Amino acid sequence: MSETPADLKYIETHQWVRVADDGTATIGITDFAQEQLGDVVYIGLPDVGVRVNGGEEAGVAESVKSASDVFSPVTGEVLAVNESLEDEPEKVNEDPYGEGWMFKVKLADPGELDGLMDAEAYSEHMASEE
């Protein structure tokens, strides 16, 4: 069974978000998503300074068997991208909730988090897709 940390929020397209006290939201794909993709060979990330919108495409993850859009769970300005993924995209497979994070945004509306799934709801969602 896929790992689902309780301190994160999730969206149906299998991305997670962790919000720091300063309002910075770190985003990545879930353990379930990386398992479905297989060995990740390329990650396309948004540019720093662009605005991403919650629920909209913000990047791409490509594996040896498929490609999948990466959606942003929240709206905000991209503050940073995980540049290490350019040379080591496998970090997404090895540590999707840690070193495999994808990008960080300055959260535009903290209330947006209320509409996202908690770990329990996301676990139920994953079970419905298996």
C-alpha atoms as a PDB file:
ATOM      1  CA  MET A   1       0.000   0.000   0.000  1.00  0.00           C
ATOM      2  CA  SER A   2       1.193   3.503  -0.801  1.00  0.00           C
ATOM      3  CA  GLU A   3       2.445   5.819   1.892  1.00  0.00           C
ATOM      4  CA  THR A   4       0.080   8.711   2.753  1.00  0.00           C
ATOM      5  CA  PRO A   5       1.550  11.174   5.281  1.00  0.00           C
ATOM      6  CA  ALA A   6      -1.115  12.672   7.545  1.00  0.00           C
ATOM      7  CA  ASP A   7       0.421  16.170   7.584  1.00  0.00           C
ATOM      8  CA  LEU A   8      -0.218  16.779   3.863  1.00  0.00           C
ATOM      9  CA  LYS A   9      -3.214  17.747   1.734  1.00  0.00           C
ATOM     10  CA  TYR A  10      -3.968  15.966  -1.543  1.00  0.00           C
ATOM     11  CA  ILE A  11      -5.823  16.355  -4.837  1.00  0.00           C
ATOM     12  CA  GLU A  12      -7.473  13.693  -7.002  1.00  0.00           C
ATOM     13  CA  THR A  13      -4.703  13.855  -9.611  1.00  0.00           C
ATOM     14  CA  HIS A  14      -2.223  12.528  -7.001  1.00  0.00           C
ATOM     15  CA  GLN A  15      -0.301  15.635  -6.022  1.00  0.00           C
ATOM     16  CA  TRP A  16       0.384  16.654  -2.428  1.00  0.00           C
ATOM     17  CA  VAL A  17       0.991  19.986  -0.723  1.00  0.00           C
ATOM     18  CA  ARG A  18       2.723  20.805   2.562  1.00  0.00           C
ATOM     19  CA  VAL A  19       2.312  24.368   3.829  1.00  0.00           C
ATOM     20  CA  ALA A  20       4.954  25.912   6.075  1.00  0.00           C
ATOM     21  CA  ASP A  21       4.166  28.488   8.770  1.00  0.00           C
ATOM     22  CA  ASP A  22       5.270  31.298   6.440  1.00  0.00           C
ATOM     23  CA  GLY A  23       2.665  30.341   3.807  1.00  0.00           C
ATOM     24  CA  THR A  24       5.115  28.616   1.468  1.00  0.00           C
ATOM     25  CA  ALA A  25       3.517  25.557  -0.126  1.00  0.00           C
ATOM     26  CA  THR A  26       5.768  22.671  -1.221  1.00  0.00           C
ATOM     27  CA  ILE A  27       4.271  20.460  -3.933  1.00  0.00           C
ATOM     28  CA  GLY A  28       5.075  17.032  -5.315  1.00  0.00           C
ATOM     29  CA  ILE A  29       3.492  13.832  -6.568  1.00  0.00           C
ATOM     30  CA  THR A  30       2.325  11.124  -4.213  1.00  0.00           C
ATOM     31  CA  ASP A  31       3.863   7.745  -3.566  1.00  0.00           C
ATOM     32  CA  PHE A  32       0.867   6.217  -5.387  1.00  0.00           C
ATOM     33  CA  ALA A  33       1.546   8.408  -8.445  1.00  0.00           C
ATOM     34  CA  GLN A  34       5.228   7.513  -8.651  1.00  0.00           C
ATOM     35  CA  GLU A  35       4.344   3.809  -8.320  1.00  0.00           C
ATOM     36  CA  GLN A  36       1.877   4.127 -11.197  1.00  0.00           C
ATOM     37  CA  LEU A  37       4.410   5.985 -13.358  1.00  0.00           C
ATOM     38  CA  GLY A  38       7.295   3.598 -12.792  1.00  0.00           C
ATOM     39  CA  ASP A  39      10.896   4.768 -13.179  1.00  0.00           C
ATOM     40  CA  VAL A  40      10.786   8.556 -13.634  1.00  0.00           C
ATOM     41  CA  VAL A  41      13.268   9.755 -16.263  1.00  0.00           C
ATOM     42  CA  TYR A  42      12.282  13.427 -16.692  1.00  0.00           C
ATOM     43  CA  ILE A  43      10.521  16.118 -14.682  1.00  0.00           C
ATOM     44  CA  GLY A  44       9.325  19.348 -16.322  1.00  0.00           C
ATOM     45  CA  LEU A  45       8.730  22.106 -13.782  1.00  0.00           C
ATOM     46  CA  PRO A  46       7.186  25.593 -13.948  1.00  0.00           C
ATOM     47  CA  ASP A  47       9.432  28.641 -14.122  1.00  0.00           C
ATOM     48  CA  VAL A  48      10.191  30.593 -10.955  1.00  0.00           C
ATOM     49  CA  GLY A  49       8.037  33.717 -10.843  1.00  0.00           C
ATOM     50  CA  VAL A  50       5.071  32.347 -12.799  1.00  0.00           C
ATOM     51  CA  ARG A  51       1.627  31.995 -11.266  1.00  0.00           C
ATOM     52  CA  VAL A  52       0.183  28.504 -11.015  1.00  0.00           C
ATOM     53  CA  ASN A  53      -3.506  27.905 -10.433  1.00  0.00           C
ATOM     54  CA  GLY A  54      -4.994  25.282  -8.171  1.00  0.00           C
ATOM     55  CA  GLY A  55      -6.154  22.268 -10.135  1.00  0.00           C
ATOM     56  CA  GLU A  56      -4.335  23.304 -13.302  1.00  0.00           C
ATOM     57  CA  GLU A  57      -1.311  21.795 -15.049  1.00  0.00           C
ATOM     58  CA  ALA A  58       2.019  23.093 -13.766  1.00  0.00           C
ATOM     59  CA  GLY A  59       4.529  20.539 -15.051  1.00  0.00           C
ATOM     60  CA  VAL A  60       5.063  17.031 -16.343  1.00  0.00           C
ATOM     61  CA  ALA A  61       6.531  13.771 -15.080  1.00  0.00           C
ATOM     62  CA  GLU A  62       7.802  11.301 -17.676  1.00  0.00           C
ATOM     63  CA  SER A  63       8.709   7.699 -16.992  1.00  0.00           C
ATOM     64  CA  VAL A  64       9.948   4.810 -19.071  1.00  0.00           C
ATOM     65  CA  LYS A  65       6.327   3.790 -19.676  1.00  0.00           C
ATOM     66  CA  SER A  66       4.255   7.005 -19.740  1.00  0.00           C
ATOM     67  CA  ALA A  67       4.005  10.746 -19.216  1.00  0.00           C
ATOM     68  CA  SER A  68       1.692  12.446 -16.762  1.00  0.00           C
ATOM     69  CA  ASP A  69       0.777  16.066 -16.164  1.00  0.00           C
ATOM     70  CA  VAL A  70       1.643  17.475 -12.759  1.00  0.00           C
ATOM     71  CA  PHE A  71      -1.093  19.708 -11.375  1.00  0.00           C
ATOM     72  CA  SER A  72      -0.734  22.364  -8.710  1.00  0.00           C
ATOM     73  CA  PRO A  73      -3.047  21.737  -5.750  1.00  0.00           C
ATOM     74  CA  VAL A  74      -2.999  25.449  -4.875  1.00  0.00           C
ATOM     75  CA  THR A  75      -2.793  28.873  -6.482  1.00  0.00           C
ATOM     76  CA  GLY A  76       0.263  31.075  -6.047  1.00  0.00           C
ATOM     77  CA  GLU A  77       3.560  32.358  -7.388  1.00  0.00           C
ATOM     78  CA  VAL A  78       6.338  29.826  -7.936  1.00  0.00           C
ATOM     79  CA  LEU A  79       9.158  30.675  -5.514  1.00  0.00           C
ATOM     80  CA  ALA A  80      11.495  27.749  -6.198  1.00  0.00           C
ATOM     81  CA  VAL A  81      11.824  24.551  -8.197  1.00  0.00           C
ATOM     82  CA  ASN A  82      13.732  21.426  -7.236  1.00  0.00           C
ATOM     83  CA  GLU A  83      16.621  21.823  -9.676  1.00  0.00           C
ATOM     84  CA  SER A  84      18.227  18.579  -8.526  1.00  0.00           C
ATOM     85  CA  LEU A  85      15.444  16.704 -10.353  1.00  0.00           C
ATOM     86  CA  GLU A  86      16.960  17.825 -13.658  1.00  0.00           C
ATOM     87  CA  ASP A  87      19.908  15.475 -13.127  1.00  0.00           C
ATOM     88  CA  GLU A  88      18.275  13.059 -10.677  1.00  0.00           C
ATOM     89  CA  PRO A  89      14.587  12.612 -11.583  1.00  0.00           C
ATOM     90  CA  GLU A  90      14.662   9.256  -9.791  1.00  0.00           C
ATOM     91  CA  LYS A  91      14.433  11.179  -6.485  1.00  0.00           C
ATOM     92  CA  VAL A  92      10.692  11.337  -7.207  1.00  0.00           C
ATOM     93  CA  ASN A  93      10.588   7.524  -7.022  1.00  0.00           C
ATOM     94  CA  GLU A  94      12.974   7.214  -4.091  1.00  0.00           C
ATOM     95  CA  ASP A  95      11.576   9.937  -1.806  1.00  0.00           C
ATOM     96  CA  PRO A  96       8.362  11.499  -3.196  1.00  0.00           C
ATOM     97  CA  TYR A  97       7.565  13.375   0.042  1.00  0.00           C
ATOM     98  CA  GLY A  98      11.123  14.531   0.752  1.00  0.00           C
ATOM     99  CA  GLU A  99      13.954  15.068  -1.734  1.00  0.00           C
ATOM    100  CA  GLY A 100      11.533  14.386  -4.604  1.00  0.00           C
ATOM    101  CA  TRP A 101       9.498  17.574  -4.018  1.00  0.00           C
ATOM    102  CA  MET A 102       8.895  19.498  -7.248  1.00  0.00           C
ATOM    103  CA  PHE A 103       8.188  23.178  -6.643  1.00  0.00           C
ATOM    104  CA  LYS A 104       7.271  25.716  -3.987  1.00  0.00           C
ATOM    105  CA  VAL A 105       4.705  28.482  -4.234  1.00  0.00           C
ATOM    106  CA  LYS A 106       3.692  31.455  -2.136  1.00  0.00           C
ATOM    107  CA  LEU A 107       0.125  30.525  -1.247  1.00  0.00           C
ATOM    108  CA  ALA A 108      -2.321  33.090  -2.649  1.00  0.00           C
ATOM    109  CA  ASP A 109      -5.324  31.985  -0.562  1.00  0.00           C
ATOM    110  CA  PRO A 110      -4.844  29.806   2.531  1.00  0.00           C
ATOM    111  CA  GLY A 111      -8.591  29.061   2.451  1.00  0.00           C
ATOM    112  CA  GLU A 112      -7.971  27.050  -0.720  1.00  0.00           C
ATOM    113  CA  LEU A 113      -6.506  24.281   1.481  1.00  0.00           C
ATOM    114  CA  ASP A 114      -9.944  23.634   2.982  1.00  0.00           C
ATOM    115  CA  GLY A 115     -11.104  22.182  -0.329  1.00  0.00           C
ATOM    116  CA  LEU A 116      -8.296  19.609  -0.523  1.00  0.00           C
ATOM    117  CA  MET A 117      -8.370  16.021   0.716  1.00  0.00           C
ATOM    118  CA  ASP A 118      -6.774  14.949   3.980  1.00  0.00           C
ATOM    119  CA  ALA A 119      -4.825  11.678   4.189  1.00  0.00           C
ATOM    120  CA  GLU A 120      -7.901   9.606   5.038  1.00  0.00           C
ATOM    121  CA  ALA A 121      -9.947  10.951   2.114  1.00  0.00           C
ATOM    122  CA  TYR A 122      -6.987  10.531  -0.231  1.00  0.00           C
ATOM    123  CA  SER A 123      -6.479   6.921   0.903  1.00  0.00           C
ATOM    124  CA  GLU A 124     -10.132   6.224   0.053  1.00  0.00           C
ATOM    125  CA  HIS A 125      -9.634   7.895  -3.332  1.00  0.00           C
ATOM    126  CA  MET A 126      -6.568   5.717  -4.075  1.00  0.00           C
ATOM    127  CA  ALA A 127      -8.473   2.568  -3.110  1.00  0.00           C
ATOM    128  CA  SER A 128     -11.196   3.474  -5.614  1.00  0.00           C
ATOM    129  CA  GLU A 129      -8.578   3.663  -8.396  1.00  0.00           C
ATOM    130  CA  GLU A 130      -6.746   0.419  -7.662  1.00  0.00           C
END
